[in-house]
């Protein structure tokens, strides 16, 4: 017997159709839209969104104060609250004795300045560290003293640098003036018939040939074997070795002088002997004319 197809309108088939309607249809557009919205909600936030979220959470956490902060605020509010009200019995007794609000306690005719007296109670300082009384203030004083010492050292170093820089500039200026003065003195000496002077600019010393140097070394070695050689060269307390070294280098007493001493000596020679001023660049007839026409014996006199 041939089995027939069940009727679509039978009770059994109708119940099955209701069950299918209750189940989700994974191919419908509603299900796809729901999954798309869920995926967007789970999408990673951008940096700016995370930043705004963290700032909001931090603001919310900051709005709730800790127990220590609340205690500090309550303590400050209590310390700022005055007890000198009109109904205070202690204030009334003080007022009967002449006390007025804003006045300092104590005698007023003892000669002390009223501005130096305390008008407010000594403030309360809460300590949170483990240092003993006076240790922190002592350490702060040491730190301030050390900082002041460092500042003074830096200032001293800057002052020393400025002084050294000014000295270098002045030395270079004096060196140039010394060269001009020595050249001028040499010309005036030669015109006066002077043949040689240590204050002139000396010509560079030429090194003798190698054969002459070898011969000189042999002679020096021979003379060093005699004690009399050292006695003869010891003049004015200068040892033979030192005098020999100075003679070999061609160094004179003028060359060993300081820069400013050299210039002072040459400058004095020019003005006192030849009535010549290096800053004026002119030679006068005599000292009287120099005093009348030359501004003075220093560079500063000619800068005015």
Protein backbone atom coordinates (compact mmCIF):
# COMPACT_ATOMS: atom_id res chain seq x y z
CA UNK A 1 0.00 0.00 0.00
CA UNK A 2 1.38 3.23 -0.97
CA UNK A 3 2.13 5.74 1.85
CA UNK A 4 0.67 9.08 1.12
CA UNK A 5 2.12 12.48 1.93
CA UNK A 6 0.90 14.03 5.15
CA UNK A 7 -1.55 16.79 4.80
CA UNK A 8 0.02 20.23 5.28
CA UNK A 9 -3.02 21.32 7.21
CA UNK A 10 -2.93 18.47 9.68
CA UNK A 11 -2.45 19.33 13.44
CA UNK A 12 0.93 17.67 13.56
CA UNK A 13 2.28 19.68 10.66
CA UNK A 14 0.85 22.90 12.11
CA UNK A 15 2.60 22.33 15.42
CA UNK A 16 5.90 21.71 13.63
CA UNK A 17 5.45 24.93 11.70
CA UNK A 18 5.00 26.91 14.94
CA UNK A 19 8.21 25.42 16.34
CA UNK A 20 10.11 26.43 13.24
CA UNK A 21 8.84 30.00 13.55
CA UNK A 22 10.15 30.24 17.13
CA UNK A 23 13.66 29.25 16.01
CA UNK A 24 15.99 31.91 14.49
CA UNK A 25 16.27 32.03 10.76
CA UNK A 26 20.03 32.36 10.15
CA UNK A 27 19.40 33.43 6.56
CA UNK A 28 17.07 36.31 7.39
CA UNK A 29 18.14 40.00 7.17
CA UNK A 30 17.15 40.65 10.78
CA UNK A 31 19.70 38.16 12.05
CA UNK A 32 22.45 39.65 9.84
CA UNK A 33 21.70 43.20 11.04
CA UNK A 34 21.79 42.03 14.67
CA UNK A 35 25.18 40.38 14.19
CA UNK A 36 26.52 43.49 12.44
CA UNK A 37 25.50 45.76 15.34
CA UNK A 38 27.05 43.36 17.84
CA UNK A 39 30.33 43.36 15.91
CA UNK A 40 30.40 47.17 15.86
CA UNK A 41 29.90 47.31 19.62
CA UNK A 42 32.81 44.92 20.12
CA UNK A 43 35.08 46.93 17.77
CA UNK A 44 38.29 48.23 19.38
CA UNK A 45 38.12 51.88 20.57
CA UNK A 46 40.35 54.50 19.07
CA UNK A 47 43.10 56.26 21.08
CA UNK A 48 41.02 59.39 21.58
CA UNK A 49 38.07 57.33 22.79
CA UNK A 50 40.26 55.45 25.26
CA UNK A 51 41.77 58.75 26.41
CA UNK A 52 38.33 60.27 27.05
CA UNK A 53 37.24 57.14 28.89
CA UNK A 54 40.35 57.13 31.11
CA UNK A 55 39.96 60.84 31.88
CA UNK A 56 36.35 60.32 32.87
CA UNK A 57 37.27 57.41 35.14
CA UNK A 58 40.09 59.48 36.70
CA UNK A 59 37.71 62.39 37.29
CA UNK A 60 35.22 60.08 38.95
CA UNK A 61 37.90 58.60 41.18
CA UNK A 62 39.20 62.08 42.06
CA UNK A 63 35.81 63.25 43.17
CA UNK A 64 35.94 60.85 46.10
CA UNK A 65 38.51 62.05 48.64
CA UNK A 66 40.55 59.79 50.88
CA UNK A 67 40.18 59.65 54.63
CA UNK A 68 43.44 61.54 55.14
CA UNK A 69 42.32 64.34 52.84
CA UNK A 70 39.01 64.62 54.64
CA UNK A 71 40.80 64.76 58.01
CA UNK A 72 43.15 67.51 56.75
CA UNK A 73 40.25 69.57 55.45
CA UNK A 74 38.34 69.20 58.70
CA UNK A 75 41.43 70.16 60.69
CA UNK A 76 42.06 73.27 58.59
CA UNK A 77 38.43 74.30 58.88
CA UNK A 78 38.57 73.89 62.64
CA UNK A 79 41.80 75.87 62.98
CA UNK A 80 40.37 78.70 60.89
CA UNK A 81 37.27 78.90 63.01
CA UNK A 82 37.63 81.67 65.56
CA UNK A 83 36.50 81.19 69.15
CA UNK A 84 36.43 84.90 69.90
CA UNK A 85 32.69 85.24 69.60
CA UNK A 86 30.53 87.65 71.55
CA UNK A 87 29.18 84.90 73.78
CA UNK A 88 32.67 83.71 74.74
CA UNK A 89 33.16 84.22 78.49
CA UNK A 90 36.95 84.40 78.22
CA UNK A 91 36.75 87.16 75.64
CA UNK A 92 34.33 89.07 77.82
CA UNK A 93 36.78 88.93 80.73
CA UNK A 94 39.62 90.15 78.52
CA UNK A 95 37.55 93.00 77.20
CA UNK A 96 36.84 94.14 80.73
CA UNK A 97 40.62 94.37 81.22
CA UNK A 98 41.00 96.54 78.11
CA UNK A 99 41.59 93.93 75.42
CA UNK A 100 40.22 94.58 71.95
CA UNK A 101 39.95 92.28 68.97
CA UNK A 102 43.08 92.47 66.80
CA UNK A 103 45.36 93.37 69.69
CA UNK A 104 48.29 91.25 70.85
CA UNK A 105 48.34 89.80 74.34
CA UNK A 106 50.74 91.14 76.96
CA UNK A 107 51.85 94.55 78.14
CA UNK A 108 51.72 97.46 75.73
CA UNK A 109 53.95 99.85 77.63
CA UNK A 110 57.09 97.71 77.78
CA UNK A 111 58.74 99.47 74.84
CA UNK A 112 58.47 96.56 72.43
CA UNK A 113 57.16 96.96 68.91
CA UNK A 114 53.58 95.80 68.64
CA UNK A 115 54.16 94.64 65.07
CA UNK A 116 56.58 91.97 66.25
CA UNK A 117 54.05 90.40 68.63
CA UNK A 118 51.89 87.50 67.57
CA UNK A 119 48.34 88.38 66.63
CA UNK A 120 47.40 84.82 65.71
CA UNK A 121 48.07 81.53 67.52
CA UNK A 122 51.05 79.48 66.40
CA UNK A 123 49.95 77.34 63.49
CA UNK A 124 49.85 73.57 63.80
CA UNK A 125 52.32 71.71 61.63
CA UNK A 126 51.53 68.04 61.06
CA UNK A 127 54.55 65.76 60.68
CA UNK A 128 54.28 62.73 58.45
CA UNK A 129 57.94 61.71 58.46
CA UNK A 130 60.11 59.92 60.99
CA UNK A 131 62.43 62.86 61.76
CA UNK A 132 62.57 64.17 65.28
CA UNK A 133 61.60 67.65 66.39
CA UNK A 134 63.84 70.26 64.84
CA UNK A 135 65.59 67.81 62.50
CA UNK A 136 63.66 68.81 59.39
CA UNK A 137 64.05 72.53 60.01
CA UNK A 138 67.77 72.07 60.67
CA UNK A 139 68.12 70.12 57.43
CA UNK A 140 66.28 72.85 55.53
CA UNK A 141 68.67 75.43 56.94
CA UNK A 142 71.64 73.32 55.84
CA UNK A 143 70.15 72.97 52.36
CA UNK A 144 69.61 76.73 52.09
CA UNK A 145 73.16 77.42 53.26
CA UNK A 146 74.55 74.90 50.76
CA UNK A 147 72.49 76.42 47.95
CA UNK A 148 73.68 79.91 48.86
CA UNK A 149 77.28 78.68 48.88
CA UNK A 150 76.87 77.13 45.44
CA UNK A 151 75.33 80.33 44.11
CA UNK A 152 78.24 82.34 45.50
CA UNK A 153 80.72 79.90 43.94
CA UNK A 154 79.03 80.22 40.56
CA UNK A 155 79.02 84.01 40.85
CA UNK A 156 82.69 84.00 41.88
CA UNK A 157 83.54 81.78 38.93
CA UNK A 158 81.71 84.13 36.57
CA UNK A 159 83.50 87.14 38.05
CA UNK A 160 86.86 85.41 37.73
CA UNK A 161 86.09 84.53 34.12
CA UNK A 162 85.16 88.13 33.30
CA UNK A 163 88.32 89.39 35.00
CA UNK A 164 90.48 86.86 33.12
CA UNK A 165 88.81 87.71 29.80
CA UNK A 166 89.33 91.43 30.39
CA UNK A 167 92.99 90.78 31.25
CA UNK A 168 93.53 88.82 28.03
CA UNK A 169 92.04 91.64 25.98
CA UNK A 170 94.17 94.20 27.78
CA UNK A 171 97.34 92.10 27.37
CA UNK A 172 96.78 91.82 23.61
CA UNK A 173 96.31 95.57 23.42
CA UNK A 174 99.48 96.22 25.41
CA UNK A 175 101.41 93.78 23.21
CA UNK A 176 100.45 95.75 20.12
CA UNK A 177 101.36 99.03 21.78
CA UNK A 178 104.70 97.59 22.92
CA UNK A 179 105.60 96.61 19.36
CA UNK A 180 104.80 100.14 18.15
CA UNK A 181 106.75 101.70 21.00
CA UNK A 182 109.85 99.54 20.42
CA UNK A 183 109.85 100.34 16.70
CA UNK A 184 109.48 104.04 17.41
CA UNK A 185 112.29 103.90 20.01
CA UNK A 186 114.59 102.12 17.58
CA UNK A 187 114.04 104.75 14.89
CA UNK A 188 114.63 107.60 17.34
CA UNK A 189 117.72 105.90 18.81
CA UNK A 190 119.23 105.28 15.40
CA UNK A 191 118.59 108.88 14.39
CA UNK A 192 120.34 109.93 17.61
CA UNK A 193 123.35 107.70 16.84
CA UNK A 194 122.56 104.80 19.21
CA UNK A 195 123.86 101.55 17.70
CA UNK A 196 122.20 98.91 19.88
CA UNK A 197 119.60 98.61 22.64
CA UNK A 198 117.91 95.68 24.35
CA UNK A 199 114.59 97.54 24.08
CA UNK A 200 114.66 97.29 20.29
CA UNK A 201 112.91 94.46 18.51
CA UNK A 202 115.71 91.95 18.08
CA UNK A 203 116.26 90.11 14.85
CA UNK A 204 115.45 86.38 14.91
CA UNK A 205 118.55 84.46 15.91
CA UNK A 206 119.97 82.29 13.15
CA UNK A 207 120.95 78.76 14.06
CA UNK A 208 124.62 78.03 13.35
CA UNK A 209 125.56 75.24 10.94
CA UNK A 210 125.72 71.66 12.20
CA UNK A 211 129.52 71.54 12.10
CA UNK A 212 129.77 74.59 14.36
CA UNK A 213 127.22 73.08 16.74
CA UNK A 214 129.24 69.88 17.03
CA UNK A 215 132.38 71.88 17.78
CA UNK A 216 130.53 73.94 20.37
CA UNK A 217 129.27 70.80 22.07
CA UNK A 218 132.79 69.40 22.29
CA UNK A 219 134.10 72.62 23.82
CA UNK A 220 131.29 72.74 26.35
CA UNK A 221 131.97 69.17 27.39
CA UNK A 222 135.66 69.96 27.92
CA UNK A 223 134.97 73.09 29.95
CA UNK A 224 132.50 71.30 32.16
CA UNK A 225 135.34 69.17 33.52
CA UNK A 226 136.90 72.19 35.17
CA UNK A 227 135.55 73.64 38.34
CA UNK A 228 136.98 77.05 37.54
CA UNK A 229 134.66 77.30 34.57
CA UNK A 230 131.65 77.40 36.87
CA UNK A 231 133.26 79.90 39.23
CA UNK A 232 133.93 82.35 36.42
CA UNK A 233 130.40 82.15 35.10
CA UNK A 234 128.75 82.62 38.52
CA UNK A 235 127.83 86.31 38.36
CA UNK A 236 125.34 88.05 40.71
CA UNK A 237 124.28 84.76 42.25
CA UNK A 238 123.43 83.23 38.87
CA UNK A 239 124.80 79.74 38.36
CA UNK A 240 126.95 78.88 35.38
CA UNK A 241 124.31 76.58 33.92
CA UNK A 242 121.62 79.27 34.08
CA UNK A 243 123.89 81.94 32.57
CA UNK A 244 125.01 79.55 29.88
CA UNK A 245 121.40 78.73 29.04
CA UNK A 246 120.46 82.43 28.86
CA UNK A 247 123.44 83.20 26.65
CA UNK A 248 122.61 80.33 24.30
CA UNK A 249 118.98 81.49 24.01
CA UNK A 250 120.05 85.11 23.50
CA UNK A 251 117.68 86.21 26.28
CA UNK A 252 118.41 89.56 27.90
CA UNK A 253 117.25 91.08 31.15
CA UNK A 254 114.66 93.08 29.20
CA UNK A 255 113.27 89.89 27.65
CA UNK A 256 112.75 88.36 31.09
CA UNK A 257 110.62 91.29 32.27
CA UNK A 258 106.85 91.16 32.45
CA UNK A 259 104.81 92.52 29.56
CA UNK A 260 103.52 95.61 31.35
CA UNK A 261 106.97 96.34 32.81
CA UNK A 262 108.47 96.22 29.33
CA UNK A 263 105.93 98.67 28.00
CA UNK A 264 106.35 101.00 30.99
CA UNK A 265 110.13 101.10 30.47
CA UNK A 266 109.96 101.76 26.71
CA UNK A 267 107.15 104.27 27.15
CA UNK A 268 109.10 106.18 29.78
CA UNK A 269 112.15 106.26 27.53
CA UNK A 270 110.13 107.68 24.66
CA UNK A 271 108.46 110.42 26.68
CA UNK A 272 111.38 111.43 28.89
CA UNK A 273 114.19 111.34 26.30
CA UNK A 274 112.52 112.04 22.95
CA UNK A 275 109.23 113.69 24.08
CA UNK A 276 107.34 111.24 21.90
CA UNK A 277 103.79 109.98 22.57
CA UNK A 278 102.78 106.74 20.88
CA UNK A 279 99.05 107.55 21.15
CA UNK A 280 99.42 111.02 19.71
CA UNK A 281 101.88 109.68 17.16
CA UNK A 282 103.84 112.92 17.39
CA UNK A 283 107.16 114.13 18.79
CA UNK A 284 107.19 117.40 20.70
CA UNK A 285 109.99 119.91 21.04
CA UNK A 286 110.29 119.66 24.81
CA UNK A 287 108.45 118.53 27.94
CA UNK A 288 106.60 121.86 28.23
CA UNK A 289 105.07 121.51 24.79
CA UNK A 290 104.19 117.90 25.54
CA UNK A 291 102.36 118.91 28.72
CA UNK A 292 100.41 121.55 26.82
CA UNK A 293 99.43 119.52 23.75
CA UNK A 294 99.44 115.87 24.88
CA UNK A 295 96.27 114.83 26.80
CA UNK A 296 98.26 112.66 29.20
CA UNK A 297 100.63 109.74 29.66
CA UNK A 298 97.94 106.99 29.57
CA UNK A 299 95.72 105.43 26.95
CA UNK A 300 92.61 106.48 28.86
CA UNK A 301 93.67 110.11 28.61
CA UNK A 302 93.57 109.86 24.82
CA UNK A 303 90.20 108.04 24.72
CA UNK A 304 88.34 111.10 26.00
